[in-house]
Amino acid sequence: MRTRLDALIVAATAGEVARLGAALVRRRRQATGCQPVTIGWLAGRRVGLLCAGLGKANTALALGAALSRVEPALLLAVGMGGAYAGSGLEPGDLAVASEEIYGDEGVETAEGWKGLESIGIPLWSGPDGRVHWNRLPAAAPEGSALLSAARSVGHAAAGPFVTVSTVTGTEERAAWLARRFGAVCESMEGAAAAHAALAWRVPFGEVRGISNRVGPRDRASWKLTEAAAAAQEAAEAFLRAWSPTGPDDPAP
């Protein structure tokens, strides 16, 4: 039997959930066969914290193992990301995903890059008959609540997120991705988390603190610490306001 949770919170690195981990009470570790899940109570909710590692492959592996051992009412991705030009977001702000997009799964043609529809092989075909190509959904009710929580912390916007294997490092590529997908935020893990949520039939949400603008790398302007802290503060505010159908044992 899987351990029931209100939310499983996944991030790439320990620093992206350190604040949440410090606030957990009645904590314990759940072995998964991959990365362990730390389970405890936070903001009146029973949650699990999972540090999956960098990138899509680590995220998919860790979540596949974790979701075989825990049963969350929501999968929540938390971390840092880059803001695309035109998003209205700056380092230190917050972004909430309206959907997640695999930004480099596809095929390069003489006419340019095309998504998976062009080769006719979807990334996921659900038992409900729905076919998913590059775009994967985020849960609408939770997304609205997550955006409200983020706005209680600071300036925030919602929109499509793009997940890439290679961090964008030029203005030209950044502008192309923003135009192609209408994207507001870039990361290296989010679409894999949304994919796992689809496979396990778990609602998905995502909030990221903006650490930098997408484009040429200017590390002096990055706000890594501020971005990680803002995302975790928004996640905690969301948990306090959210009303899931959670586990039966009472909060401490």
Protein backbone atom coordinates (compact mmCIF):
# COMPACT_ATOMS: atom_id res chain seq x y z
CA MET A 1 0.00 0.00 0.00
CA ARG A 2 1.31 3.44 -0.94
CA THR A 3 1.66 6.17 1.67
CA ARG A 4 -1.00 8.82 1.18
CA LEU A 5 0.10 12.46 1.00
CA ASP A 6 -1.59 15.76 0.40
CA ALA A 7 1.30 16.82 -1.83
CA LEU A 8 4.58 15.46 -3.14
CA ILE A 9 6.93 18.39 -3.72
CA VAL A 10 9.74 17.76 -6.19
CA ALA A 11 12.80 19.90 -6.92
CA ALA A 12 16.09 19.38 -8.67
CA THR A 13 18.38 20.33 -5.79
CA ALA A 14 18.36 20.35 -2.00
CA GLY A 15 18.64 24.15 -1.91
CA GLU A 16 15.32 24.47 -3.70
CA VAL A 17 13.47 22.73 -0.86
CA ALA A 18 15.76 23.47 2.13
CA ARG A 19 13.36 26.01 3.65
CA LEU A 20 10.42 23.62 3.31
CA GLY A 21 12.47 20.78 4.76
CA ALA A 22 13.43 22.85 7.79
CA ALA A 23 9.75 23.54 8.46
CA LEU A 24 8.66 19.89 8.35
CA VAL A 25 7.52 18.30 11.62
CA ARG A 26 7.13 14.61 12.47
CA ARG A 27 9.48 13.86 9.61
CA ARG A 28 10.61 10.48 8.40
CA ARG A 29 12.35 9.11 5.33
CA GLN A 30 10.57 6.87 2.85
CA ALA A 31 12.87 4.66 0.78
CA THR A 32 11.89 4.41 -2.89
CA GLY A 33 14.65 2.44 -4.58
CA CYS A 34 15.93 5.71 -6.07
CA GLN A 35 15.97 9.07 -4.28
CA PRO A 36 14.27 8.95 -0.83
CA VAL A 37 11.20 10.99 0.01
CA THR A 38 11.20 12.96 3.26
CA ILE A 39 7.67 12.89 4.69
CA GLY A 40 6.28 15.18 7.35
CA TRP A 41 3.70 17.84 8.16
CA LEU A 42 3.92 21.36 6.79
CA ALA A 43 1.29 24.11 6.92
CA GLY A 44 -1.24 21.59 8.18
CA ARG A 45 -0.67 19.26 5.23
CA ARG A 46 1.07 15.92 5.03
CA VAL A 47 3.73 16.37 2.36
CA GLY A 48 6.70 14.60 0.88
CA LEU A 49 9.88 16.31 -0.32
CA LEU A 50 11.87 14.78 -3.17
CA CYS A 51 15.21 16.03 -4.51
CA ALA A 52 15.29 14.38 -7.91
CA GLY A 53 18.50 15.75 -9.41
CA LEU A 54 19.22 17.91 -12.44
CA GLY A 55 17.39 17.40 -15.70
CA LYS A 56 14.54 15.45 -17.22
CA ALA A 57 16.02 11.96 -16.85
CA ASN A 58 16.74 12.31 -13.13
CA THR A 59 13.29 13.78 -12.55
CA ALA A 60 11.54 10.97 -14.41
CA LEU A 61 13.56 8.26 -12.66
CA ALA A 62 13.09 9.69 -9.18
CA LEU A 63 9.38 10.34 -9.61
CA GLY A 64 8.71 6.94 -11.15
CA ALA A 65 10.25 5.33 -8.07
CA ALA A 66 8.65 7.73 -5.59
CA LEU A 67 5.15 7.47 -6.98
CA SER A 68 5.28 3.71 -6.66
CA ARG A 69 5.63 4.24 -2.88
CA VAL A 70 3.57 7.37 -2.16
CA GLU A 71 0.11 8.48 -3.30
CA PRO A 72 -0.17 12.28 -3.35
CA ALA A 73 -3.29 14.33 -4.03
CA LEU A 74 -1.03 16.76 -5.91
CA LEU A 75 2.44 16.70 -7.45
CA LEU A 76 4.01 20.13 -7.00
CA ALA A 77 7.24 21.08 -8.77
CA VAL A 78 9.18 23.85 -7.02
CA GLY A 79 12.45 25.51 -7.96
CA MET A 80 14.20 28.16 -9.98
CA GLY A 81 13.81 29.11 -13.62
CA GLY A 82 14.69 31.67 -16.24
CA ALA A 83 12.21 34.28 -17.50
CA TYR A 84 11.68 34.85 -21.21
CA ALA A 85 11.56 38.37 -22.60
CA GLY A 86 7.99 39.59 -22.82
CA SER A 87 6.92 37.66 -19.72
CA GLY A 88 7.04 40.78 -17.55
CA LEU A 89 9.14 38.82 -15.05
CA GLU A 90 12.46 39.81 -13.54
CA PRO A 91 14.92 38.00 -11.25
CA GLY A 92 13.29 37.58 -7.85
CA ASP A 93 9.75 37.33 -9.28
CA LEU A 94 7.61 34.18 -9.45
CA ALA A 95 6.13 32.16 -12.32
CA VAL A 96 3.32 29.59 -12.20
CA ALA A 97 2.90 27.04 -14.99
CA SER A 98 -0.33 26.95 -16.98
CA GLU A 99 1.19 24.00 -18.88
CA GLU A 100 4.58 22.37 -19.40
CA ILE A 101 6.21 21.95 -22.80
CA TYR A 102 9.04 19.73 -23.98
CA GLY A 103 10.99 22.36 -25.90
CA ASP A 104 13.45 20.16 -27.79
CA GLU A 105 11.67 16.84 -28.38
CA GLY A 106 10.95 16.82 -32.09
CA VAL A 107 12.71 16.85 -35.44
CA GLU A 108 14.88 19.34 -37.30
CA THR A 109 13.73 19.83 -40.89
CA ALA A 110 14.68 22.02 -43.82
CA GLU A 111 11.86 24.31 -42.71
CA GLY A 112 13.13 24.37 -39.13
CA TRP A 113 12.29 22.56 -35.90
CA LYS A 114 8.95 20.77 -35.62
CA GLY A 115 7.27 19.10 -32.67
CA LEU A 116 6.35 15.48 -32.22
CA GLU A 117 3.13 15.76 -34.22
CA SER A 118 5.35 15.93 -37.29
CA ILE A 119 6.59 12.37 -36.73
CA GLY A 120 3.30 11.04 -35.42
CA ILE A 121 4.60 9.60 -32.14
CA PRO A 122 3.05 11.12 -29.01
CA LEU A 123 4.95 11.31 -25.74
CA TRP A 124 1.94 9.99 -23.84
CA SER A 125 -1.33 8.31 -24.73
CA GLY A 126 -3.53 8.17 -21.66
CA PRO A 127 -6.09 5.51 -20.74
CA ASP A 128 -8.75 8.19 -21.33
CA GLY A 129 -7.76 8.25 -25.00
CA ARG A 130 -6.16 11.68 -24.86
CA VAL A 131 -2.90 12.06 -26.78
CA HIS A 132 -0.14 14.37 -25.55
CA TRP A 133 2.65 15.55 -27.84
CA ASN A 134 4.99 18.28 -26.58
CA ARG A 135 2.47 20.05 -24.33
CA LEU A 136 1.45 18.62 -20.95
CA PRO A 137 -1.29 20.08 -18.71
CA ALA A 138 -1.15 21.67 -15.31
CA ALA A 139 -4.20 21.37 -13.07
CA ALA A 140 -6.37 24.47 -13.47
CA PRO A 141 -7.91 24.81 -9.96
CA GLU A 142 -4.58 24.22 -8.24
CA GLY A 143 -2.83 26.53 -10.70
CA SER A 144 -5.21 29.37 -9.87
CA ALA A 145 -4.68 28.85 -6.14
CA LEU A 146 -0.93 28.61 -6.67
CA LEU A 147 -0.90 31.89 -8.59
CA SER A 148 -2.82 33.60 -5.79
CA ALA A 149 -0.32 32.24 -3.27
CA ALA A 150 2.60 33.41 -5.40
CA ARG A 151 1.10 36.90 -5.66
CA SER A 152 0.87 37.02 -1.89
CA VAL A 153 4.66 36.64 -1.86
CA GLY A 154 5.66 38.99 -4.68
CA HIS A 155 5.19 39.85 -8.33
CA ALA A 156 4.01 36.75 -10.20
CA ALA A 157 2.66 35.71 -13.57
CA ALA A 158 1.27 32.50 -15.04
CA GLY A 159 1.89 31.02 -18.48
CA PRO A 160 3.46 28.15 -20.40
CA PHE A 161 6.78 26.78 -19.17
CA VAL A 162 9.36 25.25 -21.51
CA THR A 163 11.69 22.43 -20.46
CA VAL A 164 14.97 22.03 -22.34
CA SER A 165 17.99 19.78 -22.06
CA THR A 166 20.42 22.58 -22.92
CA VAL A 167 19.97 25.88 -21.10
CA THR A 168 19.29 28.66 -23.58
CA GLY A 169 22.28 30.99 -23.89
CA THR A 170 21.57 33.35 -26.80
CA GLU A 171 19.05 36.11 -27.39
CA GLU A 172 18.09 34.55 -30.73
CA ARG A 173 17.23 31.16 -29.27
CA ALA A 174 15.43 32.73 -26.31
CA ALA A 175 13.30 34.86 -28.63
CA TRP A 176 12.49 31.85 -30.82
CA LEU A 177 11.35 29.73 -27.88
CA ALA A 178 9.26 32.56 -26.46
CA ARG A 179 7.55 33.08 -29.84
CA ARG A 180 7.15 29.39 -30.65
CA PHE A 181 5.53 28.44 -27.36
CA GLY A 182 4.30 31.72 -25.84
CA ALA A 183 6.52 30.79 -22.91
CA VAL A 184 7.17 32.75 -19.73
CA CYS A 185 9.69 30.47 -17.95
CA GLU A 186 12.40 27.92 -18.78
CA SER A 187 13.75 25.02 -16.73
CA MET A 188 15.39 21.63 -17.24
CA GLU A 189 12.94 19.43 -15.30
CA GLY A 190 9.34 20.63 -15.29
CA ALA A 191 7.95 18.74 -18.28
CA ALA A 192 9.28 15.45 -16.92
CA ALA A 193 7.44 16.10 -13.65
CA ALA A 194 4.23 16.91 -15.54
CA HIS A 195 4.76 13.74 -17.58
CA ALA A 196 5.07 11.63 -14.42
CA ALA A 197 1.92 13.22 -13.05
CA LEU A 198 0.04 12.24 -16.21
CA ALA A 199 1.33 8.68 -16.04
CA TRP A 200 0.29 8.30 -12.39
CA ARG A 201 -2.96 10.28 -12.80
CA VAL A 202 -1.99 12.93 -10.25
CA PRO A 203 -2.88 16.64 -10.63
CA PHE A 204 0.22 18.73 -11.34
CA GLY A 205 1.26 22.23 -10.35
CA GLU A 206 4.52 24.15 -10.65
CA VAL A 207 5.92 27.37 -9.20
CA ARG A 208 9.39 28.74 -9.86
CA GLY A 209 11.28 31.71 -8.60
CA ILE A 210 12.95 33.63 -11.40
CA SER A 211 16.71 33.50 -11.01
CA ASN A 212 17.69 35.08 -14.33
CA ARG A 213 16.51 36.19 -17.74
CA VAL A 214 16.73 33.58 -20.49
CA GLY A 215 19.52 34.47 -22.92
CA PRO A 216 23.23 35.26 -22.68
CA ARG A 217 24.65 34.07 -19.37
CA ASP A 218 25.27 36.96 -16.98
CA ARG A 219 25.85 35.29 -13.63
CA ALA A 220 26.44 38.61 -11.87
CA SER A 221 22.76 39.47 -12.37
CA TRP A 222 21.37 36.12 -11.18
CA LYS A 223 19.34 35.87 -7.97
CA LEU A 224 19.59 32.18 -7.14
CA THR A 225 19.06 32.43 -3.38
CA GLU A 226 16.18 34.88 -3.71
CA ALA A 227 14.50 32.79 -6.42
CA ALA A 228 14.68 29.56 -4.42
CA ALA A 229 13.36 31.28 -1.28
CA ALA A 230 10.47 32.94 -3.13
CA ALA A 231 9.32 29.69 -4.72
CA GLN A 232 9.33 27.89 -1.38
CA GLU A 233 7.49 30.74 0.33
CA ALA A 234 4.82 30.59 -2.40
CA ALA A 235 4.55 26.81 -2.03
CA GLU A 236 4.05 27.11 1.72
CA ALA A 237 1.45 29.86 1.27
CA PHE A 238 -0.37 27.63 -1.21
CA LEU A 239 -0.39 24.69 1.20
CA ARG A 240 -1.87 26.87 3.94
CA ALA A 241 -4.74 28.03 1.71
CA TRP A 242 -5.38 24.81 -0.24
CA SER A 243 -8.09 22.29 0.70
CA PRO A 244 -7.11 18.88 -0.69
CA THR A 245 -8.61 15.49 -0.04
CA GLY A 246 -5.69 14.28 2.04
CA PRO A 247 -4.70 11.54 4.47
CA ASP A 248 -6.86 10.58 7.40
CA ASP A 249 -4.36 10.98 10.24
CA PRO A 250 -4.58 14.40 11.91
CA ALA A 251 -2.09 17.21 11.58
CA PRO A 252 0.13 17.81 14.62
